C-alpha cells in the first residue's frame, strides 16, 4: 500500500517555504483494496502482499478489449503488434 500512497501522492504547498513531495492518504486506497478483495478480484498472499486473481485479470482483459473496439486509435498499444 505504501507504493500506491507514493504513486498517488503529490506536492504540498507550505506557503513561502519550498514545496515537498508527500504521500497520498492511505484510507481511500486501503478501502478500495478491501472492496476489490471482497469482490474476489484481488487476493492477499503473506510474502508478496496483494495480487490479482484470475477473475480480476479476466475482467481487466474484457474491459481492455471493449475499450479497444470503441477506440481504434489505441491499436498501436495492443499486444503482439
PDB file of N, CA and C in Angstrom:
ATOM      1  N   UNK A   1       0.818  -1.179   0.000  1.00  0.00           N
ATOM      2  CA  UNK A   1       0.000   0.000   0.000  1.00  0.00           C
ATOM      3  C   UNK A   1       0.873   1.258   0.000  1.00  0.00           C
ATOM      4  N   UNK A   2       2.061   1.166   0.586  1.00  0.00           N
ATOM      5  CA  UNK A   2       2.935   2.338   0.632  1.00  0.00           C
ATOM      6  C   UNK A   2       3.346   2.790  -0.764  1.00  0.00           C
ATOM      7  N   UNK A   3       3.538   1.838  -1.670  1.00  0.00           N
ATOM      8  CA  UNK A   3       3.896   2.212  -3.044  1.00  0.00           C
ATOM      9  C   UNK A   3       2.751   2.952  -3.721  1.00  0.00           C
ATOM     10  N   UNK A   4       1.518   2.517  -3.472  1.00  0.00           N
ATOM     11  CA  UNK A   4       0.368   3.222  -4.033  1.00  0.00           C
ATOM     12  C   UNK A   4       0.246   4.615  -3.425  1.00  0.00           C
ATOM     13  N   UNK A   5       0.499   4.741  -2.129  1.00  0.00           N
ATOM     14  CA  UNK A   5       0.449   6.061  -1.498  1.00  0.00           C
ATOM     15  C   UNK A   5       1.473   6.990  -2.125  1.00  0.00           C
ATOM     16  N   UNK A   6       2.672   6.468  -2.398  1.00  0.00           N
ATOM     17  CA  UNK A   6       3.723   7.287  -3.002  1.00  0.00           C
ATOM     18  C   UNK A   6       3.365   7.644  -4.445  1.00  0.00           C
ATOM     19  N   UNK A   7       2.804   6.683  -5.193  1.00  0.00           N
ATOM     20  CA  UNK A   7       2.445   6.930  -6.591  1.00  0.00           C
ATOM     21  C   UNK A   7       1.345   7.980  -6.725  1.00  0.00           C
ATOM     22  N   UNK A   8       0.369   7.952  -5.826  1.00  0.00           N
ATOM     23  CA  UNK A   8      -0.762   8.868  -5.932  1.00  0.00           C
ATOM     24  C   UNK A   8      -0.582  10.136  -5.103  1.00  0.00           C
ATOM     25  N   UNK A   9       0.557  10.284  -4.474  1.00  0.00           N
ATOM     26  CA  UNK A   9       0.839  11.493  -3.707  1.00  0.00           C
ATOM     27  C   UNK A   9       1.123  12.665  -4.630  1.00  0.00           C
ATOM     28  N   UNK A  10       1.543  13.751  -4.055  1.00  0.00           N
ATOM     29  CA  UNK A  10       1.817  14.932  -4.865  1.00  0.00           C
ATOM     30  C   UNK A  10       2.673  15.922  -4.102  1.00  0.00           C
ATOM     31  N   UNK A  11       2.519  17.179  -4.432  1.00  0.00           N
ATOM     32  CA  UNK A  11       3.311  18.208  -3.788  1.00  0.00           C
ATOM     33  C   UNK A  11       2.462  18.944  -2.752  1.00  0.00           C
ATOM     34  N   UNK A  12       3.108  19.319  -1.672  1.00  0.00           N
ATOM     35  CA  UNK A  12       2.440  20.065  -0.608  1.00  0.00           C
ATOM     36  C   UNK A  12       2.975  21.488  -0.606  1.00  0.00           C
ATOM     37  N   UNK A  13       2.074  22.454  -0.640  1.00  0.00           N
ATOM     38  CA  UNK A  13       2.449  23.854  -0.648  1.00  0.00           C
ATOM     39  C   UNK A  13       2.562  24.349   0.796  1.00  0.00           C
ATOM     40  N   UNK A  14       3.740  24.815   1.170  1.00  0.00           N
ATOM     41  CA  UNK A  14       3.969  25.308   2.521  1.00  0.00           C
ATOM     42  C   UNK A  14       3.997  26.834   2.570  1.00  0.00           C
ATOM     43  N   UNK A  15       3.348  27.486   1.657  1.00  0.00           N
ATOM     44  CA  UNK A  15       3.322  28.937   1.646  1.00  0.00           C
ATOM     45  C   UNK A  15       4.621  29.494   1.096  1.00  0.00           C
ATOM     46  N   UNK A  16       5.357  30.215   1.932  1.00  0.00           N
ATOM     47  CA  UNK A  16       6.597  30.818   1.464  1.00  0.00           C
ATOM     48  C   UNK A  16       7.757  29.824   1.478  1.00  0.00           C
ATOM     49  N   UNK A  17       7.601  28.710   2.165  1.00  0.00           N
ATOM     50  CA  UNK A  17       8.652  27.694   2.207  1.00  0.00           C
ATOM     51  C   UNK A  17       8.603  26.843   0.936  1.00  0.00           C
ATOM     52  N   UNK A  18       9.688  26.148   0.605  1.00  0.00           N
ATOM     53  CA  UNK A  18       9.681  25.294  -0.593  1.00  0.00           C
ATOM     54  C   UNK A  18       8.681  24.137  -0.475  1.00  0.00           C
ATOM     55  N   UNK A  19       8.155  23.716  -1.615  1.00  0.00           N
ATOM     56  CA  UNK A  19       7.230  22.588  -1.648  1.00  0.00           C
ATOM     57  C   UNK A  19       7.983  21.282  -1.417  1.00  0.00           C
ATOM     58  N   UNK A  20       7.278  20.266  -0.912  1.00  0.00           N
ATOM     59  CA  UNK A  20       7.857  18.949  -0.698  1.00  0.00           C
ATOM     60  C   UNK A  20       6.896  17.897  -1.223  1.00  0.00           C
ATOM     61  N   UNK A  21       7.446  16.758  -1.580  1.00  0.00           N
ATOM     62  CA  UNK A  21       6.629  15.634  -2.020  1.00  0.00           C
ATOM     63  C   UNK A  21       6.021  14.972  -0.789  1.00  0.00           C
ATOM     64  N   UNK A  22       4.729  14.674  -0.848  1.00  0.00           N
ATOM     65  CA  UNK A  22       4.051  13.999   0.250  1.00  0.00           C
ATOM     66  C   UNK A  22       3.287  12.795  -0.301  1.00  0.00           C
ATOM     67  N   UNK A  23       3.069  11.799   0.544  1.00  0.00           N
ATOM     68  CA  UNK A  23       2.303  10.627   0.154  1.00  0.00           C
ATOM     69  C   UNK A  23       0.811  10.939   0.209  1.00  0.00           C
ATOM     70  N   UNK A  24       0.044  10.197  -0.568  1.00  0.00           N
ATOM     71  CA  UNK A  24      -1.408  10.332  -0.545  1.00  0.00           C
ATOM     72  C   UNK A  24      -1.948   9.694   0.733  1.00  0.00           C
ATOM     73  N   UNK A  25      -3.198   9.990   1.056  1.00  0.00           N
ATOM     74  CA  UNK A  25      -3.836   9.386   2.217  1.00  0.00           C
ATOM     75  C   UNK A  25      -4.051   7.897   2.002  1.00  0.00           C
ATOM     76  N   UNK A  26      -3.876   7.124   3.049  1.00  0.00           N
ATOM     77  CA  UNK A  26      -3.969   5.678   2.918  1.00  0.00           C
ATOM     78  C   UNK A  26      -5.373   5.137   3.057  1.00  0.00           C
ATOM     79  N   UNK A  27      -6.279   5.898   3.648  1.00  0.00           N
ATOM     80  CA  UNK A  27      -7.615   5.394   3.937  1.00  0.00           C
ATOM     81  C   UNK A  27      -8.367   5.006   2.671  1.00  0.00           C
ATOM     82  N   UNK A  28      -8.398   5.880   1.679  1.00  0.00           N
ATOM     83  CA  UNK A  28      -9.163   5.603   0.458  1.00  0.00           C
ATOM     84  C   UNK A  28      -8.544   4.450  -0.314  1.00  0.00           C
ATOM     85  N   UNK A  29      -7.212   4.370  -0.325  1.00  0.00           N
ATOM     86  CA  UNK A  29      -6.530   3.279  -1.023  1.00  0.00           C
ATOM     87  C   UNK A  29      -6.822   1.957  -0.315  1.00  0.00           C
ATOM     88  N   UNK A  30      -6.728   1.957   1.007  1.00  0.00           N
ATOM     89  CA  UNK A  30      -6.981   0.747   1.790  1.00  0.00           C
ATOM     90  C   UNK A  30      -8.411   0.250   1.584  1.00  0.00           C
ATOM     91  N   UNK A  31      -9.387   1.161   1.622  1.00  0.00           N
ATOM     92  CA  UNK A  31     -10.787   0.768   1.458  1.00  0.00           C
ATOM     93  C   UNK A  31     -11.061   0.245   0.054  1.00  0.00           C
ATOM     94  N   UNK A  32     -10.426   0.849  -0.954  1.00  0.00           N
ATOM     95  CA  UNK A  32     -10.598   0.365  -2.323  1.00  0.00           C
ATOM     96  C   UNK A  32     -10.030  -1.039  -2.464  1.00  0.00           C
ATOM     97  N   UNK A  33      -8.857  -1.275  -1.883  1.00  0.00           N
ATOM     98  CA  UNK A  33      -8.257  -2.610  -1.947  1.00  0.00           C
ATOM     99  C   UNK A  33      -9.109  -3.630  -1.200  1.00  0.00           C
ATOM    100  N   UNK A  34      -9.683  -3.238  -0.077  1.00  0.00           N
ATOM    101  CA  UNK A  34     -10.552  -4.145   0.673  1.00  0.00           C
ATOM    102  C   UNK A  34     -11.799  -4.494  -0.130  1.00  0.00           C
ATOM    103  N   UNK A  35     -12.355  -3.528  -0.849  1.00  0.00           N
ATOM    104  CA  UNK A  35     -13.539  -3.795  -1.676  1.00  0.00           C
ATOM    105  C   UNK A  35     -13.195  -4.722  -2.835  1.00  0.00           C
ATOM    106  N   UNK A  36     -12.037  -4.497  -3.466  1.00  0.00           N
ATOM    107  CA  UNK A  36     -11.610  -5.386  -4.551  1.00  0.00           C
ATOM    108  C   UNK A  36     -11.380  -6.797  -4.035  1.00  0.00           C
ATOM    109  N   UNK A  37     -10.857  -6.907  -2.812  1.00  0.00           N
ATOM    110  CA  UNK A  37     -10.624  -8.221  -2.231  1.00  0.00           C
ATOM    111  C   UNK A  37     -11.937  -8.924  -1.915  1.00  0.00           C
ATOM    112  N   UNK A  38     -12.911  -8.189  -1.389  1.00  0.00           N
ATOM    113  CA  UNK A  38     -14.204  -8.798  -1.069  1.00  0.00           C
ATOM    114  C   UNK A  38     -14.967  -9.181  -2.339  1.00  0.00           C
ATOM    115  N   UNK A  39     -14.677  -8.492  -3.461  1.00  0.00           N
ATOM    116  CA  UNK A  39     -15.306  -8.830  -4.735  1.00  0.00           C
ATOM    117  C   UNK A  39     -14.606 -10.015  -5.406  1.00  0.00           C
ATOM    118  N   UNK A  40     -13.477 -10.442  -4.849  1.00  0.00           N
ATOM    119  CA  UNK A  40     -12.767 -11.581  -5.410  1.00  0.00           C
ATOM    120  C   UNK A  40     -11.847 -11.230  -6.564  1.00  0.00           C
ATOM    121  N   UNK A  41     -11.510  -9.960  -6.731  1.00  0.00           N
ATOM    122  CA  UNK A  41     -10.660  -9.550  -7.845  1.00  0.00           C
ATOM    123  C   UNK A  41      -9.183  -9.502  -7.476  1.00  0.00           C
ATOM    124  N   UNK A  42      -8.891  -9.378  -6.183  1.00  0.00           N
ATOM    125  CA  UNK A  42      -7.506  -9.479  -5.719  1.00  0.00           C
ATOM    126  C   UNK A  42      -7.490 -10.379  -4.495  1.00  0.00           C
ATOM    127  N   UNK A  43      -6.306 -10.910  -4.180  1.00  0.00           N
ATOM    128  CA  UNK A  43      -6.162 -11.766  -3.015  1.00  0.00           C
ATOM    129  C   UNK A  43      -4.905 -11.362  -2.266  1.00  0.00           C
ATOM    130  N   UNK A  44      -4.869 -11.700  -0.990  1.00  0.00           N
ATOM    131  CA  UNK A  44      -3.719 -11.380  -0.167  1.00  0.00           C
ATOM    132  C   UNK A  44      -2.882 -12.630   0.019  1.00  0.00           C
ATOM    133  N   UNK A  45      -1.601 -12.522  -0.300  1.00  0.00           N
ATOM    134  CA  UNK A  45      -0.665 -13.605  -0.016  1.00  0.00           C
ATOM    135  C   UNK A  45       0.413 -13.033   0.891  1.00  0.00           C
ATOM    136  N   UNK A  46       0.727 -13.737   1.950  1.00  0.00           N
ATOM    137  CA  UNK A  46       1.591 -13.197   3.004  1.00  0.00           C
ATOM    138  C   UNK A  46       2.950 -12.701   2.510  1.00  0.00           C
ATOM    139  N   UNK A  47       3.728 -13.487   1.786  1.00  0.00           N
ATOM    140  CA  UNK A  47       5.061 -12.955   1.484  1.00  0.00           C
ATOM    141  C   UNK A  47       5.070 -11.853   0.431  1.00  0.00           C
ATOM    142  N   UNK A  48       4.079 -11.823  -0.444  1.00  0.00           N
ATOM    143  CA  UNK A  48       4.109 -10.889  -1.576  1.00  0.00           C
ATOM    144  C   UNK A  48       3.116  -9.743  -1.462  1.00  0.00           C
ATOM    145  N   UNK A  49       2.194  -9.798  -0.532  1.00  0.00           N
ATOM    146  CA  UNK A  49       1.182  -8.752  -0.435  1.00  0.00           C
ATOM    147  C   UNK A  49      -0.043  -9.108  -1.259  1.00  0.00           C
ATOM    148  N   UNK A  50      -0.652  -8.129  -1.880  1.00  0.00           N
ATOM    149  CA  UNK A  50      -1.855  -8.375  -2.666  1.00  0.00           C
ATOM    150  C   UNK A  50      -1.501  -8.627  -4.121  1.00  0.00           C
ATOM    151  N   UNK A  51      -2.264  -9.526  -4.748  1.00  0.00           N
ATOM    152  CA  UNK A  51      -2.079  -9.791  -6.171  1.00  0.00           C
ATOM    153  C   UNK A  51      -3.435 -10.062  -6.804  1.00  0.00           C
ATOM    154  N   UNK A  52      -3.495  -9.883  -8.102  1.00  0.00           N
ATOM    155  CA  UNK A  52      -4.749 -10.018  -8.820  1.00  0.00           C
ATOM    156  C   UNK A  52      -5.102 -11.501  -9.022  1.00  0.00           C
ATOM    157  N   UNK A  53      -6.379 -11.824  -8.872  1.00  0.00           N
ATOM    158  CA  UNK A  53      -6.835 -13.194  -9.090  1.00  0.00           C
ATOM    159  C   UNK A  53      -7.092 -13.428 -10.573  1.00  0.00           C
ATOM    160  N   UNK A  54      -7.367 -14.657 -10.909  1.00  0.00           N
ATOM    161  CA  UNK A  54      -7.685 -14.997 -12.298  1.00  0.00           C
ATOM    162  C   UNK A  54      -8.930 -14.246 -12.770  1.00  0.00           C
ATOM    163  N   UNK A  55      -9.933 -14.132 -11.876  1.00  0.00           N
ATOM    164  CA  UNK A  55     -11.163 -13.409 -12.223  1.00  0.00           C
ATOM    165  C   UNK A  55     -10.872 -11.926 -12.459  1.00  0.00           C
ATOM    166  N   UNK A  56      -9.976 -11.354 -11.665  1.00  0.00           N
ATOM    167  CA  UNK A  56      -9.608  -9.956 -11.839  1.00  0.00           C
ATOM    168  C   UNK A  56      -8.908  -9.706 -13.160  1.00  0.00           C
ATOM    169  N   UNK A  57      -7.977 -10.610 -13.524  1.00  0.00           N
ATOM    170  CA  UNK A  57      -7.281 -10.475 -14.810  1.00  0.00           C
ATOM    171  C   UNK A  57      -8.248 -10.633 -15.973  1.00  0.00           C
ATOM    172  N   UNK A  58      -9.210 -11.556 -15.834  1.00  0.00           N
ATOM    173  CA  UNK A  58     -10.200 -11.777 -16.886  1.00  0.00           C
ATOM    174  C   UNK A  58     -11.066 -10.525 -17.082  1.00  0.00           C
ATOM    175  N   UNK A  59     -11.496  -9.923 -15.972  1.00  0.00           N
ATOM    176  CA  UNK A  59     -12.310  -8.706 -16.051  1.00  0.00           C
ATOM    177  C   UNK A  59     -11.543  -7.573 -16.716  1.00  0.00           C
ATOM    178  N   UNK A  60     -10.284  -7.373 -16.342  1.00  0.00           N
ATOM    179  CA  UNK A  60      -9.487  -6.320 -16.957  1.00  0.00           C
ATOM    180  C   UNK A  60      -9.283  -6.568 -18.446  1.00  0.00           C
ATOM    181  N   UNK A  61      -9.070  -7.831 -18.830  1.00  0.00           N
ATOM    182  CA  UNK A  61      -8.891  -8.157 -20.241  1.00  0.00           C
ATOM    183  C   UNK A  61     -10.156  -7.860 -21.037  1.00  0.00           C
ATOM    184  N   UNK A  62     -11.314  -8.199 -20.473  1.00  0.00           N
ATOM    185  CA  UNK A  62     -12.585  -7.915 -21.144  1.00  0.00           C
ATOM    186  C   UNK A  62     -12.794  -6.413 -21.319  1.00  0.00           C
ATOM    187  N   UNK A  63     -12.480  -5.657 -20.285  1.00  0.00           N
ATOM    188  CA  UNK A  63     -12.630  -4.200 -20.363  1.00  0.00           C
ATOM    189  C   UNK A  63     -11.676  -3.626 -21.397  1.00  0.00           C
ATOM    190  N   UNK A  64     -10.432  -4.121 -21.416  1.00  0.00           N
ATOM    191  CA  UNK A  64      -9.450  -3.622 -22.380  1.00  0.00           C
ATOM    192  C   UNK A  64      -9.886  -3.917 -23.815  1.00  0.00           C
ATOM    193  N   UNK A  65     -10.432  -5.102 -24.052  1.00  0.00           N
ATOM    194  CA  UNK A  65     -10.913  -5.440 -25.394  1.00  0.00           C
ATOM    195  C   UNK A  65     -12.074  -4.544 -25.794  1.00  0.00           C
ATOM    196  N   UNK A  66     -12.972  -4.284 -24.859  1.00  0.00           N
ATOM    197  CA  UNK A  66     -14.128  -3.423 -25.138  1.00  0.00           C
ATOM    198  C   UNK A  66     -13.682  -1.999 -25.466  1.00  0.00           C
ATOM    199  N   UNK A  67     -12.743  -1.476 -24.694  1.00  0.00           N
ATOM    200  CA  UNK A  67     -12.226  -0.128 -24.946  1.00  0.00           C
ATOM    201  C   UNK A  67     -11.488  -0.096 -26.276  1.00  0.00           C
ATOM    202  N   UNK A  68     -10.745  -1.160 -26.585  1.00  0.00           N
ATOM    203  CA  UNK A  68     -10.018  -1.230 -27.848  1.00  0.00           C
ATOM    204  C   UNK A  68     -10.939  -1.195 -29.056  1.00  0.00           C
ATOM    205  N   UNK A  69     -12.115  -1.802 -28.933  1.00  0.00           N
ATOM    206  CA  UNK A  69     -13.083  -1.778 -30.030  1.00  0.00           C
ATOM    207  C   UNK A  69     -13.677  -0.385 -30.215  1.00  0.00           C
ATOM    208  N   UNK A  70     -13.895   0.314 -29.088  1.00  0.00           N
ATOM    209  CA  UNK A  70     -14.507   1.639 -29.153  1.00  0.00           C
ATOM    210  C   UNK A  70     -13.518   2.724 -29.573  1.00  0.00           C
ATOM    211  N   UNK A  71     -12.229   2.500 -29.318  1.00  0.00           N
ATOM    212  CA  UNK A  71     -11.201   3.489 -29.633  1.00  0.00           C
ATOM    213  C   UNK A  71     -10.140   2.874 -30.545  1.00  0.00           C
ATOM    214  N   UNK A  72     -10.389   2.859 -31.847  1.00  0.00           N
ATOM    215  CA  UNK A  72      -9.445   2.209 -32.760  1.00  0.00           C
ATOM    216  C   UNK A  72      -8.072   2.873 -32.800  1.00  0.00           C
ATOM    217  N   UNK A  73      -7.952   4.122 -32.349  1.00  0.00           N
ATOM    218  CA  UNK A  73      -6.647   4.784 -32.368  1.00  0.00           C
ATOM    219  C   UNK A  73      -5.681   4.183 -31.340  1.00  0.00           C
ATOM    220  N   UNK A  74      -6.178   3.301 -30.470  1.00  0.00           N
ATOM    221  CA  UNK A  74      -5.314   2.645 -29.490  1.00  0.00           C
ATOM    222  C   UNK A  74      -4.748   1.325 -30.001  1.00  0.00           C
ATOM    223  N   UNK A  75      -4.948   1.003 -31.269  1.00  0.00           N
ATOM    224  CA  UNK A  75      -4.486  -0.256 -31.829  1.00  0.00           C
ATOM    225  C   UNK A  75      -2.982  -0.447 -31.665  1.00  0.00           C
ATOM    226  N   UNK A  76      -2.214   0.636 -31.762  1.00  0.00           N
ATOM    227  CA  UNK A  76      -0.764   0.527 -31.703  1.00  0.00           C
ATOM    228  C   UNK A  76      -0.282   0.053 -30.331  1.00  0.00           C
ATOM    229  N   UNK A  77      -1.127   0.095 -29.299  1.00  0.00           N
ATOM    230  CA  UNK A  77      -0.741  -0.344 -27.962  1.00  0.00           C
ATOM    231  C   UNK A  77      -1.127  -1.788 -27.674  1.00  0.00           C
ATOM    232  N   UNK A  78      -1.799  -2.445 -28.614  1.00  0.00           N
ATOM    233  CA  UNK A  78      -2.232  -3.815 -28.384  1.00  0.00           C
ATOM    234  C   UNK A  78      -1.051  -4.764 -28.405  1.00  0.00           C
ATOM    235  N   UNK A  79      -1.177  -5.823 -27.654  1.00  0.00           N
ATOM    236  CA  UNK A  79      -0.116  -6.818 -27.534  1.00  0.00           C
ATOM    237  C   UNK A  79       0.104  -7.524 -28.862  1.00  0.00           C
ATOM    238  N   UNK A  80       1.354  -7.761 -29.197  1.00  0.00           N
ATOM    239  CA  UNK A  80       1.663  -8.515 -30.388  1.00  0.00           C
ATOM    240  C   UNK A  80       1.841  -7.671 -31.641  1.00  0.00           C
ATOM    241  N   UNK A  81       1.725  -6.381 -31.519  1.00  0.00           N
ATOM    242  CA  UNK A  81       1.893  -5.515 -32.691  1.00  0.00           C
ATOM    243  C   UNK A  81       3.044  -4.571 -32.515  1.00  0.00           C
TER     244      UNK A  81
END
